[in-house]
Amino acid sequence: MENADSNLLKRLRIRHLELLGHLREVSTVHAAAERMHLSQPAVTRMIKEIEEVFGGPLFDRMARGIAANHIGAELMRRSDVLMAGLGAAQEEAAIMRSGGSGLIRIGTFSGSNMLPSGIVELRRRLPRLAVQIREFQIDLLIAELLRGELDCIVGALAPDEFNNERLDRLQVHLLASDRLSVVATRTHPLARRKKISWARLANEDWILPPRGSLLRRAVIAACLTEGVTPPQPSIECLSTLTVLTFLRLDPGSIGPMREQHALEETRLNKDMVILDVRPGATMPPLALITRSGPEAMRHPVKELLDILRGQSSPPKGAID
């Protein structure tokens, strides 16, 4: 008798996985058929084939279309990862045929100083490794990681992520503690001031990242802790590089930055200073984040984790 794995491999096709991806985004068989350039009966037959392979109904049929039941929803999630993995495998194969040694896809926040130095060392260890970096807000990067579109994230988890069920599908390797710094040009009126309160900063011209970002959350939390109304930004942008450009062009403004990045920036650029803000504010610790499961820790990811751990000491209470 054939085992279940053999039966699955013989009966399930990549087009079935493609269909599951479309059905996650559209709610009718007709719309899915149009996307796949197939007839509606052909797609209906494919859905029946998928349900036969997995032993029962995966969708609830309704007057206005179909919706995945809890089994179908989980299957869609897993099929997304498989399809993303196949796409990455195709891209990596092309890279290796051109003389490369492989591919790693990394998500991170803008302004991470730890990651660039880590990647330079990684490419010393793994010459001709292709590296793709995606900079975005952490919640969206986590969604891409879980869909298999990224191999890992170097960033920090927002506190509310610890109450999110998707944390169970992540593995978090803590790397270093982090703090919030407020930076300005050396000519700013507060540049030489000592023990600046958050109340004093509230009415300054702030250049802030979007409200959902960790830096913006840290500024809001620091102000509320001191009983101060959080500032509204004069300019709002996500890129740390853009924030630094605005600070140089408008010396009367201030902006938040991660402590490690602020220290590096003020070391390289003597026109920038870190304001002496009291009390100091903490940030969520930096971490390398992967999907859970041994298959997620590919060799380049393991090497990168080893390098980043060598650059810093993990904070107490590391989740690993």
C-alpha atoms as a PDB file:
ATOM      1  CA  MET A   1       0.000   0.000   0.000  1.00  0.00           C
ATOM      2  CA  GLU A   2       1.276   3.486  -0.836  1.00  0.00           C
ATOM      3  CA  ASN A   3       2.046   5.661   2.136  1.00  0.00           C
ATOM      4  CA  ALA A   4       0.440   9.088   2.573  1.00  0.00           C
ATOM      5  CA  ASP A   5       3.553  11.006   1.487  1.00  0.00           C
ATOM      6  CA  SER A   6       3.789   9.082  -1.786  1.00  0.00           C
ATOM      7  CA  ASN A   7       0.097   9.649  -2.502  1.00  0.00           C
ATOM      8  CA  LEU A   8       0.454  13.373  -1.775  1.00  0.00           C
ATOM      9  CA  LEU A   9       3.424  13.803  -4.087  1.00  0.00           C
ATOM     10  CA  LYS A  10       1.691  11.962  -6.934  1.00  0.00           C
ATOM     11  CA  ARG A  11      -1.598  13.821  -6.716  1.00  0.00           C
ATOM     12  CA  LEU A  12      -0.742  17.354  -5.594  1.00  0.00           C
ATOM     13  CA  ARG A  13       0.555  19.724  -8.267  1.00  0.00           C
ATOM     14  CA  ILE A  14       2.171  23.144  -8.122  1.00  0.00           C
ATOM     15  CA  ARG A  15      -0.911  24.543  -9.857  1.00  0.00           C
ATOM     16  CA  HIS A  16      -2.924  23.380  -6.855  1.00  0.00           C
ATOM     17  CA  LEU A  17      -0.670  25.476  -4.607  1.00  0.00           C
ATOM     18  CA  GLU A  18      -1.014  28.414  -6.983  1.00  0.00           C
ATOM     19  CA  LEU A  19      -4.800  28.119  -6.775  1.00  0.00           C
ATOM     20  CA  LEU A  20      -4.696  28.148  -2.968  1.00  0.00           C
ATOM     21  CA  GLY A  21      -2.731  31.382  -3.144  1.00  0.00           C
ATOM     22  CA  HIS A  22      -5.337  32.991  -5.374  1.00  0.00           C
ATOM     23  CA  LEU A  23      -8.210  31.795  -3.193  1.00  0.00           C
ATOM     24  CA  ARG A  24      -6.566  33.490  -0.218  1.00  0.00           C
ATOM     25  CA  GLU A  25      -6.882  36.806  -2.071  1.00  0.00           C
ATOM     26  CA  VAL A  26     -10.229  36.428  -3.881  1.00  0.00           C
ATOM     27  CA  SER A  27     -13.507  34.992  -2.642  1.00  0.00           C
ATOM     28  CA  THR A  28     -15.018  33.473  -5.770  1.00  0.00           C
ATOM     29  CA  VAL A  29     -14.111  30.583  -8.036  1.00  0.00           C
ATOM     30  CA  HIS A  30     -14.795  32.833 -11.016  1.00  0.00           C
ATOM     31  CA  ALA A  31     -12.162  35.391  -9.916  1.00  0.00           C
ATOM     32  CA  ALA A  32      -9.613  32.654  -9.226  1.00  0.00           C
ATOM     33  CA  ALA A  33     -10.297  31.122 -12.650  1.00  0.00           C
ATOM     34  CA  GLU A  34      -9.709  34.458 -14.350  1.00  0.00           C
ATOM     35  CA  ARG A  35      -6.398  34.890 -12.572  1.00  0.00           C
ATOM     36  CA  MET A  36      -5.239  31.442 -13.647  1.00  0.00           C
ATOM     37  CA  HIS A  37      -6.629  31.783 -17.199  1.00  0.00           C
ATOM     38  CA  LEU A  38      -8.746  28.666 -16.691  1.00  0.00           C
ATOM     39  CA  SER A  39     -12.450  27.924 -16.967  1.00  0.00           C
ATOM     40  CA  GLN A  40     -14.582  28.006 -13.839  1.00  0.00           C
ATOM     41  CA  PRO A  41     -15.376  24.244 -14.063  1.00  0.00           C
ATOM     42  CA  ALA A  42     -11.637  23.505 -14.284  1.00  0.00           C
ATOM     43  CA  VAL A  43     -10.956  25.460 -11.082  1.00  0.00           C
ATOM     44  CA  THR A  44     -13.920  23.808  -9.345  1.00  0.00           C
ATOM     45  CA  ARG A  45     -12.440  20.441 -10.308  1.00  0.00           C
ATOM     46  CA  MET A  46      -9.027  21.481  -8.949  1.00  0.00           C
ATOM     47  CA  ILE A  47     -10.579  22.480  -5.596  1.00  0.00           C
ATOM     48  CA  LYS A  48     -12.227  19.057  -5.403  1.00  0.00           C
ATOM     49  CA  GLU A  49      -8.869  17.403  -6.158  1.00  0.00           C
ATOM     50  CA  ILE A  50      -7.155  19.376  -3.372  1.00  0.00           C
ATOM     51  CA  GLU A  51      -9.889  18.433  -0.910  1.00  0.00           C
ATOM     52  CA  GLU A  52      -9.584  14.762  -1.882  1.00  0.00           C
ATOM     53  CA  VAL A  53      -5.810  14.850  -1.317  1.00  0.00           C
ATOM     54  CA  PHE A  54      -6.258  16.370   2.152  1.00  0.00           C
ATOM     55  CA  GLY A  55      -9.155  14.163   3.167  1.00  0.00           C
ATOM     56  CA  GLY A  56     -12.150  16.462   3.366  1.00  0.00           C
ATOM     57  CA  PRO A  57     -13.694  19.912   2.899  1.00  0.00           C
ATOM     58  CA  LEU A  58     -11.348  22.883   2.996  1.00  0.00           C
ATOM     59  CA  PHE A  59     -13.834  25.566   1.979  1.00  0.00           C
ATOM     60  CA  ASP A  60     -17.323  26.657   2.989  1.00  0.00           C
ATOM     61  CA  ARG A  61     -19.537  27.255  -0.034  1.00  0.00           C
ATOM     62  CA  MET A  62     -21.744  30.352   0.211  1.00  0.00           C
ATOM     63  CA  ALA A  63     -24.052  32.245  -2.118  1.00  0.00           C
ATOM     64  CA  ARG A  64     -21.446  34.947  -2.735  1.00  0.00           C
ATOM     65  CA  GLY A  65     -18.448  32.672  -3.075  1.00  0.00           C
ATOM     66  CA  ILE A  66     -16.282  30.399  -0.953  1.00  0.00           C
ATOM     67  CA  ALA A  67     -14.274  30.905   2.224  1.00  0.00           C
ATOM     68  CA  ALA A  68     -11.585  28.690   3.699  1.00  0.00           C
ATOM     69  CA  ASN A  69     -12.479  26.787   6.861  1.00  0.00           C
ATOM     70  CA  HIS A  70      -9.862  26.522   9.636  1.00  0.00           C
ATOM     71  CA  ILE A  71      -8.144  23.580   7.893  1.00  0.00           C
ATOM     72  CA  GLY A  72      -8.123  25.366   4.558  1.00  0.00           C
ATOM     73  CA  ALA A  73      -6.737  28.542   6.121  1.00  0.00           C
ATOM     74  CA  GLU A  74      -3.816  26.621   7.625  1.00  0.00           C
ATOM     75  CA  LEU A  75      -3.191  24.853   4.312  1.00  0.00           C
ATOM     76  CA  MET A  76      -3.162  28.230   2.519  1.00  0.00           C
ATOM     77  CA  ARG A  77      -0.599  29.551   4.967  1.00  0.00           C
ATOM     78  CA  ARG A  78       1.661  26.564   4.385  1.00  0.00           C
ATOM     79  CA  SER A  79       1.202  26.719   0.616  1.00  0.00           C
ATOM     80  CA  ASP A  80       2.292  30.370   0.650  1.00  0.00           C
ATOM     81  CA  VAL A  81       5.558  29.329   2.316  1.00  0.00           C
ATOM     82  CA  LEU A  82       6.064  26.500  -0.192  1.00  0.00           C
ATOM     83  CA  MET A  83       5.453  28.754  -3.195  1.00  0.00           C
ATOM     84  CA  ALA A  84       7.777  31.434  -1.838  1.00  0.00           C
ATOM     85  CA  GLY A  85      10.379  28.754  -1.207  1.00  0.00           C
ATOM     86  CA  LEU A  86      10.098  27.506  -4.783  1.00  0.00           C
ATOM     87  CA  GLY A  87      10.501  31.045  -6.085  1.00  0.00           C
ATOM     88  CA  ALA A  88      13.570  31.570  -3.916  1.00  0.00           C
ATOM     89  CA  ALA A  89      14.999  28.222  -5.021  1.00  0.00           C
ATOM     90  CA  GLN A  90      14.610  29.229  -8.672  1.00  0.00           C
ATOM     91  CA  GLU A  91      16.298  32.579  -8.028  1.00  0.00           C
ATOM     92  CA  GLU A  92      19.092  30.960  -6.022  1.00  0.00           C
ATOM     93  CA  ALA A  93      19.697  28.381  -8.761  1.00  0.00           C
ATOM     94  CA  ALA A  94      20.085  31.194 -11.307  1.00  0.00           C
ATOM     95  CA  ILE A  95      22.525  32.964  -8.984  1.00  0.00           C
ATOM     96  CA  MET A  96      24.593  29.804  -8.520  1.00  0.00           C
ATOM     97  CA  ARG A  97      24.660  29.117 -12.287  1.00  0.00           C
ATOM     98  CA  SER A  98      26.127  32.599 -12.670  1.00  0.00           C
ATOM     99  CA  GLY A  99      28.932  31.845 -10.233  1.00  0.00           C
ATOM    100  CA  GLY A 100      27.301  32.849  -6.942  1.00  0.00           C
ATOM    101  CA  SER A 101      27.329  30.684  -3.845  1.00  0.00           C
ATOM    102  CA  GLY A 102      23.730  31.180  -2.735  1.00  0.00           C
ATOM    103  CA  LEU A 103      21.105  33.669  -1.585  1.00  0.00           C
ATOM    104  CA  ILE A 104      19.945  35.127   1.716  1.00  0.00           C
ATOM    105  CA  ARG A 105      16.920  37.443   2.025  1.00  0.00           C
ATOM    106  CA  ILE A 106      16.983  39.679   5.097  1.00  0.00           C
ATOM    107  CA  GLY A 107      14.377  42.056   6.471  1.00  0.00           C
ATOM    108  CA  THR A 108      15.467  44.907   8.714  1.00  0.00           C
ATOM    109  CA  PHE A 109      14.625  48.403   9.893  1.00  0.00           C
ATOM    110  CA  SER A 110      16.175  51.463   8.315  1.00  0.00           C
ATOM    111  CA  GLY A 111      19.328  52.598  10.105  1.00  0.00           C
ATOM    112  CA  SER A 112      20.587  49.261  11.415  1.00  0.00           C
ATOM    113  CA  ASN A 113      24.364  49.521  11.898  1.00  0.00           C
ATOM    114  CA  MET A 114      24.829  46.016  13.223  1.00  0.00           C
ATOM    115  CA  LEU A 115      23.562  44.358  10.060  1.00  0.00           C
ATOM    116  CA  PRO A 116      25.858  45.948   7.411  1.00  0.00           C
ATOM    117  CA  SER A 117      29.019  44.959   9.261  1.00  0.00           C
ATOM    118  CA  GLY A 118      27.569  41.501   9.802  1.00  0.00           C
ATOM    119  CA  ILE A 119      26.820  41.107   6.098  1.00  0.00           C
ATOM    120  CA  VAL A 120      30.350  42.173   5.144  1.00  0.00           C
ATOM    121  CA  GLU A 121      31.750  39.450   7.411  1.00  0.00           C
ATOM    122  CA  LEU A 122      29.160  36.950   6.130  1.00  0.00           C
ATOM    123  CA  ARG A 123      30.313  37.509   2.565  1.00  0.00           C
ATOM    124  CA  ARG A 124      33.900  36.986   3.676  1.00  0.00           C
ATOM    125  CA  ARG A 125      32.884  33.607   5.064  1.00  0.00           C
ATOM    126  CA  LEU A 126      30.641  32.789   2.098  1.00  0.00           C
ATOM    127  CA  PRO A 127      32.190  34.470  -0.958  1.00  0.00           C
ATOM    128  CA  ARG A 128      29.844  35.366  -3.814  1.00  0.00           C
ATOM    129  CA  LEU A 129      26.782  35.041  -1.576  1.00  0.00           C
ATOM    130  CA  ALA A 130      23.935  37.200  -2.930  1.00  0.00           C
ATOM    131  CA  VAL A 131      22.242  39.297  -0.248  1.00  0.00           C
ATOM    132  CA  GLN A 132      18.821  40.917  -0.607  1.00  0.00           C
ATOM    133  CA  ILE A 133      17.800  43.426   2.079  1.00  0.00           C
ATOM    134  CA  ARG A 134      14.252  44.676   2.595  1.00  0.00           C
ATOM    135  CA  GLU A 135      13.773  47.672   4.895  1.00  0.00           C
ATOM    136  CA  PHE A 136      10.294  48.150   6.293  1.00  0.00           C
ATOM    137  CA  GLN A 137       8.272  48.267   9.489  1.00  0.00           C
ATOM    138  CA  ILE A 138       8.697  45.185  11.653  1.00  0.00           C
ATOM    139  CA  ASP A 139       5.050  44.035  11.630  1.00  0.00           C
ATOM    140  CA  LEU A 140       5.000  43.899   7.827  1.00  0.00           C
ATOM    141  CA  LEU A 141       8.401  42.194   7.712  1.00  0.00           C
ATOM    142  CA  ILE A 142       7.111  39.489  10.075  1.00  0.00           C
ATOM    143  CA  ALA A 143       4.181  38.829   7.731  1.00  0.00           C
ATOM    144  CA  GLU A 144       6.627  38.444   4.823  1.00  0.00           C
ATOM    145  CA  LEU A 145       8.856  36.158   6.897  1.00  0.00           C
ATOM    146  CA  LEU A 146       5.926  33.891   7.760  1.00  0.00           C
ATOM    147  CA  ARG A 147       4.941  33.722   4.080  1.00  0.00           C
ATOM    148  CA  GLY A 148       8.456  32.529   3.244  1.00  0.00           C
ATOM    149  CA  GLU A 149       9.400  35.707   1.389  1.00  0.00           C
ATOM    150  CA  LEU A 150      12.307  36.375   3.789  1.00  0.00           C
ATOM    151  CA  ASP A 151      14.872  34.060   5.384  1.00  0.00           C
ATOM    152  CA  CYS A 152      15.282  36.138   8.533  1.00  0.00           C
ATOM    153  CA  ILE A 153      14.757  39.540  10.114  1.00  0.00           C
ATOM    154  CA  VAL A 154      17.338  41.547  12.031  1.00  0.00           C
ATOM    155  CA  GLY A 155      15.277  43.929  14.094  1.00  0.00           C
ATOM    156  CA  ALA A 156      13.206  44.145  17.251  1.00  0.00           C
ATOM    157  CA  LEU A 157       9.793  42.804  18.201  1.00  0.00           C
ATOM    158  CA  ALA A 158       7.198  45.333  19.277  1.00  0.00           C
ATOM    159  CA  PRO A 159       5.837  44.560  22.771  1.00  0.00           C
ATOM    160  CA  ASP A 160       2.375  43.738  21.403  1.00  0.00           C
ATOM    161  CA  GLU A 161       3.900  40.942  19.289  1.00  0.00           C
ATOM    162  CA  PHE A 162       4.391  38.937  22.483  1.00  0.00           C
ATOM    163  CA  ASN A 163       0.595  38.661  22.747  1.00  0.00           C
ATOM    164  CA  ASN A 164       0.200  37.706  19.083  1.00  0.00           C
ATOM    165  CA  GLU A 165      -0.435  34.072  18.160  1.00  0.00           C
ATOM    166  CA  ARG A 166       2.061  34.301  15.324  1.00  0.00           C
ATOM    167  CA  LEU A 167       4.881  34.472  17.883  1.00  0.00           C
ATOM    168  CA  ASP A 168       4.432  30.687  18.166  1.00  0.00           C
ATOM    169  CA  ARG A 169       5.581  30.416  14.544  1.00  0.00           C
ATOM    170  CA  LEU A 170       8.725  32.469  15.124  1.00  0.00           C
ATOM    171  CA  GLN A 171      12.109  31.759  16.661  1.00  0.00           C
ATOM    172  CA  VAL A 172      13.696  34.813  18.298  1.00  0.00           C
ATOM    173  CA  HIS A 173      17.453  34.965  18.921  1.00  0.00           C
ATOM    174  CA  LEU A 174      18.152  38.038  21.060  1.00  0.00           C
ATOM    175  CA  LEU A 175      21.349  39.879  20.199  1.00  0.00           C
ATOM    176  CA  ALA A 176      21.672  43.146  22.125  1.00  0.00           C
ATOM    177  CA  SER A 177      19.797  45.607  24.302  1.00  0.00           C
ATOM    178  CA  ASP A 178      18.879  48.939  22.763  1.00  0.00           C
ATOM    179  CA  ARG A 179      17.988  52.457  23.855  1.00  0.00           C
ATOM    180  CA  LEU A 180      16.416  55.532  22.313  1.00  0.00           C
ATOM    181  CA  SER A 181      18.570  58.566  21.487  1.00  0.00           C
ATOM    182  CA  VAL A 182      17.475  62.013  20.353  1.00  0.00           C
ATOM    183  CA  VAL A 183      19.865  63.661  17.897  1.00  0.00           C
ATOM    184  CA  ALA A 184      20.321  67.192  16.601  1.00  0.00           C
ATOM    185  CA  THR A 185      22.977  69.316  14.957  1.00  0.00           C
ATOM    186  CA  ARG A 186      25.754  70.837  17.061  1.00  0.00           C
ATOM    187  CA  THR A 187      24.257  74.301  16.446  1.00  0.00           C
ATOM    188  CA  HIS A 188      20.853  73.391  17.932  1.00  0.00           C
ATOM    189  CA  PRO A 189      19.994  75.506  21.027  1.00  0.00           C
ATOM    190  CA  LEU A 190      19.729  72.332  23.153  1.00  0.00           C
ATOM    191  CA  ALA A 191      22.982  70.777  21.940  1.00  0.00           C
ATOM    192  CA  ARG A 192      24.969  71.879  25.041  1.00  0.00           C
ATOM    193  CA  ARG A 193      22.099  71.711  27.510  1.00  0.00           C
ATOM    194  CA  LYS A 194      22.315  69.114  30.295  1.00  0.00           C
ATOM    195  CA  LYS A 195      19.471  66.971  31.644  1.00  0.00           C
ATOM    196  CA  ILE A 196      16.862  67.933  29.078  1.00  0.00           C
ATOM    197  CA  SER A 197      13.362  66.845  30.091  1.00  0.00           C
ATOM    198  CA  TRP A 198      10.799  65.310  27.766  1.00  0.00           C
ATOM    199  CA  ALA A 199       8.528  68.245  28.600  1.00  0.00           C
ATOM    200  CA  ARG A 200      11.198  70.580  27.214  1.00  0.00           C
ATOM    201  CA  LEU A 201      11.362  68.539  24.002  1.00  0.00           C
ATOM    202  CA  ALA A 202       7.600  68.342  23.451  1.00  0.00           C
ATOM    203  CA  ASN A 203       7.367  71.652  21.589  1.00  0.00           C
ATOM    204  CA  GLU A 204      10.464  71.177  19.438  1.00  0.00           C
ATOM    205  CA  ASP A 205      10.298  70.591  15.683  1.00  0.00           C
ATOM    206  CA  TRP A 206      10.417  66.799  15.495  1.00  0.00           C
ATOM    207  CA  ILE A 207      11.202  64.672  12.477  1.00  0.00           C
ATOM    208  CA  LEU A 208       9.542  61.366  13.323  1.00  0.00           C
ATOM    209  CA  PRO A 209       8.949  57.975  11.689  1.00  0.00           C
ATOM    210  CA  PRO A 210       5.355  56.744  11.189  1.00  0.00           C
ATOM    211  CA  ARG A 211       3.238  56.093  14.268  1.00  0.00           C
ATOM    212  CA  GLY A 212       3.467  52.295  14.030  1.00  0.00           C
ATOM    213  CA  SER A 213       7.272  52.237  14.010  1.00  0.00           C
ATOM    214  CA  LEU A 214       9.242  51.197  17.098  1.00  0.00           C
ATOM    215  CA  LEU A 215      11.083  54.532  17.301  1.00  0.00           C
ATOM    216  CA  ARG A 216       7.820  56.477  17.226  1.00  0.00           C
ATOM    217  CA  ARG A 217       6.327  54.174  19.848  1.00  0.00           C
ATOM    218  CA  ALA A 218       9.376  54.698  22.060  1.00  0.00           C
ATOM    219  CA  VAL A 219       9.041  58.496  21.841  1.00  0.00           C
ATOM    220  CA  ILE A 220       5.321  58.293  22.648  1.00  0.00           C
ATOM    221  CA  ALA A 221       5.936  55.925  25.593  1.00  0.00           C
ATOM    222  CA  ALA A 222       8.729  58.115  27.017  1.00  0.00           C
ATOM    223  CA  CYS A 223       6.506  61.202  26.881  1.00  0.00           C
ATOM    224  CA  LEU A 224       3.463  59.505  28.402  1.00  0.00           C
ATOM    225  CA  THR A 225       5.581  58.063  31.216  1.00  0.00           C
ATOM    226  CA  GLU A 226       6.594  61.629  32.111  1.00  0.00           C
ATOM    227  CA  GLY A 227       3.045  62.924  31.782  1.00  0.00           C
ATOM    228  CA  VAL A 228       3.857  64.826  28.600  1.00  0.00           C
ATOM    229  CA  THR A 229       1.712  64.993  25.471  1.00  0.00           C
ATOM    230  CA  PRO A 230       3.675  63.241  22.698  1.00  0.00           C
ATOM    231  CA  PRO A 231       4.944  65.584  19.984  1.00  0.00           C
ATOM    232  CA  GLN A 232       3.413  65.803  16.542  1.00  0.00           C
ATOM    233  CA  PRO A 233       5.996  65.625  13.772  1.00  0.00           C
ATOM    234  CA  SER A 234       6.817  68.584  11.582  1.00  0.00           C
ATOM    235  CA  ILE A 235       7.990  66.011   9.040  1.00  0.00           C
ATOM    236  CA  GLU A 236       7.173  62.296   9.047  1.00  0.00           C
ATOM    237  CA  CYS A 237       9.365  59.757   7.243  1.00  0.00           C
ATOM    238  CA  LEU A 238      10.564  56.197   7.836  1.00  0.00           C
ATOM    239  CA  SER A 239      14.118  56.348   6.469  1.00  0.00           C
ATOM    240  CA  THR A 240      16.798  57.201   9.036  1.00  0.00           C
ATOM    241  CA  LEU A 241      18.990  58.506   6.230  1.00  0.00           C
ATOM    242  CA  THR A 242      16.238  60.936   5.238  1.00  0.00           C
ATOM    243  CA  VAL A 243      15.837  62.025   8.870  1.00  0.00           C
ATOM    244  CA  LEU A 244      19.571  62.802   9.043  1.00  0.00           C
ATOM    245  CA  THR A 245      19.362  64.775   5.805  1.00  0.00           C
ATOM    246  CA  PHE A 246      16.516  66.902   7.169  1.00  0.00           C
ATOM    247  CA  LEU A 247      18.415  67.500  10.419  1.00  0.00           C
ATOM    248  CA  ARG A 248      21.394  68.829   8.485  1.00  0.00           C
ATOM    249  CA  LEU A 249      19.219  71.011   6.253  1.00  0.00           C
ATOM    250  CA  ASP A 250      17.087  72.291   9.161  1.00  0.00           C
ATOM    251  CA  PRO A 251      19.367  72.687  12.220  1.00  0.00           C
ATOM    252  CA  GLY A 252      16.418  73.699  14.376  1.00  0.00           C
ATOM    253  CA  SER A 253      14.842  70.223  14.238  1.00  0.00           C
ATOM    254  CA  ILE A 254      15.466  67.062  16.245  1.00  0.00           C
ATOM    255  CA  GLY A 255      14.858  63.365  15.598  1.00  0.00           C
ATOM    256  CA  PRO A 256      14.944  59.970  17.327  1.00  0.00           C
ATOM    257  CA  MET A 257      17.474  57.270  16.558  1.00  0.00           C
ATOM    258  CA  ARG A 258      18.538  53.948  17.969  1.00  0.00           C
ATOM    259  CA  GLU A 259      21.436  54.360  20.387  1.00  0.00           C
ATOM    260  CA  GLN A 260      23.912  52.242  18.417  1.00  0.00           C
ATOM    261  CA  HIS A 261      23.157  54.123  15.225  1.00  0.00           C
ATOM    262  CA  ALA A 262      23.300  57.506  16.982  1.00  0.00           C
ATOM    263  CA  LEU A 263      26.701  56.711  18.509  1.00  0.00           C
ATOM    264  CA  GLU A 264      28.070  55.643  15.139  1.00  0.00           C
ATOM    265  CA  GLU A 265      26.592  58.647  13.347  1.00  0.00           C
ATOM    266  CA  THR A 266      27.967  61.192  15.838  1.00  0.00           C
ATOM    267  CA  ARG A 267      31.357  59.495  15.698  1.00  0.00           C
ATOM    268  CA  LEU A 268      31.492  59.845  11.920  1.00  0.00           C
ATOM    269  CA  ASN A 269      29.734  63.220  11.667  1.00  0.00           C
ATOM    270  CA  LYS A 270      31.026  65.784  14.153  1.00  0.00           C
ATOM    271  CA  ASP A 271      28.181  68.157  13.251  1.00  0.00           C
ATOM    272  CA  MET A 272      25.654  65.828  14.931  1.00  0.00           C
ATOM    273  CA  VAL A 273      25.202  65.361  18.692  1.00  0.00           C
ATOM    274  CA  ILE A 274      23.118  63.181  21.010  1.00  0.00           C
ATOM    275  CA  LEU A 275      20.990  65.322  23.294  1.00  0.00           C
ATOM    276  CA  ASP A 276      21.254  64.685  27.040  1.00  0.00           C
ATOM    277  CA  VAL A 277      17.614  63.682  27.548  1.00  0.00           C
ATOM    278  CA  ARG A 278      16.511  62.531  31.003  1.00  0.00           C
ATOM    279  CA  PRO A 279      15.191  60.062  31.882  1.00  0.00           C
ATOM    280  CA  GLY A 280      16.508  57.777  29.167  1.00  0.00           C
ATOM    281  CA  ALA A 281      14.148  55.544  27.225  1.00  0.00           C
ATOM    282  CA  THR A 282      14.620  51.891  26.338  1.00  0.00           C
ATOM    283  CA  MET A 283      13.852  50.172  23.046  1.00  0.00           C
ATOM    284  CA  PRO A 284      12.912  46.520  22.466  1.00  0.00           C
ATOM    285  CA  PRO A 285      16.120  44.438  22.230  1.00  0.00           C
ATOM    286  CA  LEU A 286      17.629  43.693  18.846  1.00  0.00           C
ATOM    287  CA  ALA A 287      17.147  40.140  17.605  1.00  0.00           C
ATOM    288  CA  LEU A 288      17.551  37.835  14.650  1.00  0.00           C
ATOM    289  CA  ILE A 289      14.132  36.351  13.905  1.00  0.00           C
ATOM    290  CA  THR A 290      13.351  33.293  11.794  1.00  0.00           C
ATOM    291  CA  ARG A 291      10.376  31.031  11.260  1.00  0.00           C
ATOM    292  CA  SER A 292      10.243  28.199  13.765  1.00  0.00           C
ATOM    293  CA  GLY A 293      11.492  24.786  12.687  1.00  0.00           C
ATOM    294  CA  PRO A 294      14.938  23.482  11.724  1.00  0.00           C
ATOM    295  CA  GLU A 295      14.371  24.021   7.987  1.00  0.00           C
ATOM    296  CA  ALA A 296      14.243  27.796   8.569  1.00  0.00           C
ATOM    297  CA  MET A 297      17.862  27.954   9.790  1.00  0.00           C
ATOM    298  CA  ARG A 298      19.614  27.678   6.444  1.00  0.00           C
ATOM    299  CA  HIS A 299      23.411  27.759   6.448  1.00  0.00           C
ATOM    300  CA  PRO A 300      23.745  31.492   5.579  1.00  0.00           C
ATOM    301  CA  VAL A 301      21.279  32.360   8.356  1.00  0.00           C
ATOM    302  CA  LYS A 302      23.231  30.277  10.896  1.00  0.00           C
ATOM    303  CA  GLU A 303      26.457  31.995   9.848  1.00  0.00           C
ATOM    304  CA  LEU A 304      24.870  35.440  10.119  1.00  0.00           C
ATOM    305  CA  LEU A 305      23.541  34.641  13.599  1.00  0.00           C
ATOM    306  CA  ASP A 306      26.994  33.500  14.708  1.00  0.00           C
ATOM    307  CA  ILE A 307      28.552  36.725  13.382  1.00  0.00           C
ATOM    308  CA  LEU A 308      25.970  39.021  14.978  1.00  0.00           C
ATOM    309  CA  ARG A 309      26.265  37.248  18.309  1.00  0.00           C
ATOM    310  CA  GLY A 310      30.006  37.814  18.151  1.00  0.00           C
ATOM    311  CA  GLN A 311      29.420  41.548  17.733  1.00  0.00           C
ATOM    312  CA  SER A 312      27.345  41.964  20.891  1.00  0.00           C
ATOM    313  CA  SER A 313      26.340  40.346  24.156  1.00  0.00           C
ATOM    314  CA  PRO A 314      22.707  39.149  24.301  1.00  0.00           C
ATOM    315  CA  PRO A 315      20.538  40.883  26.913  1.00  0.00           C
ATOM    316  CA  LYS A 316      19.383  38.953  29.937  1.00  0.00           C
ATOM    317  CA  GLY A 317      16.356  36.748  29.437  1.00  0.00           C
ATOM    318  CA  ALA A 318      17.164  35.843  25.843  1.00  0.00           C
ATOM    319  CA  ILE A 319      14.496  33.851  24.025  1.00  0.00           C
ATOM    320  CA  ASP A 320      16.354  31.102  22.192  1.00  0.00           C
END
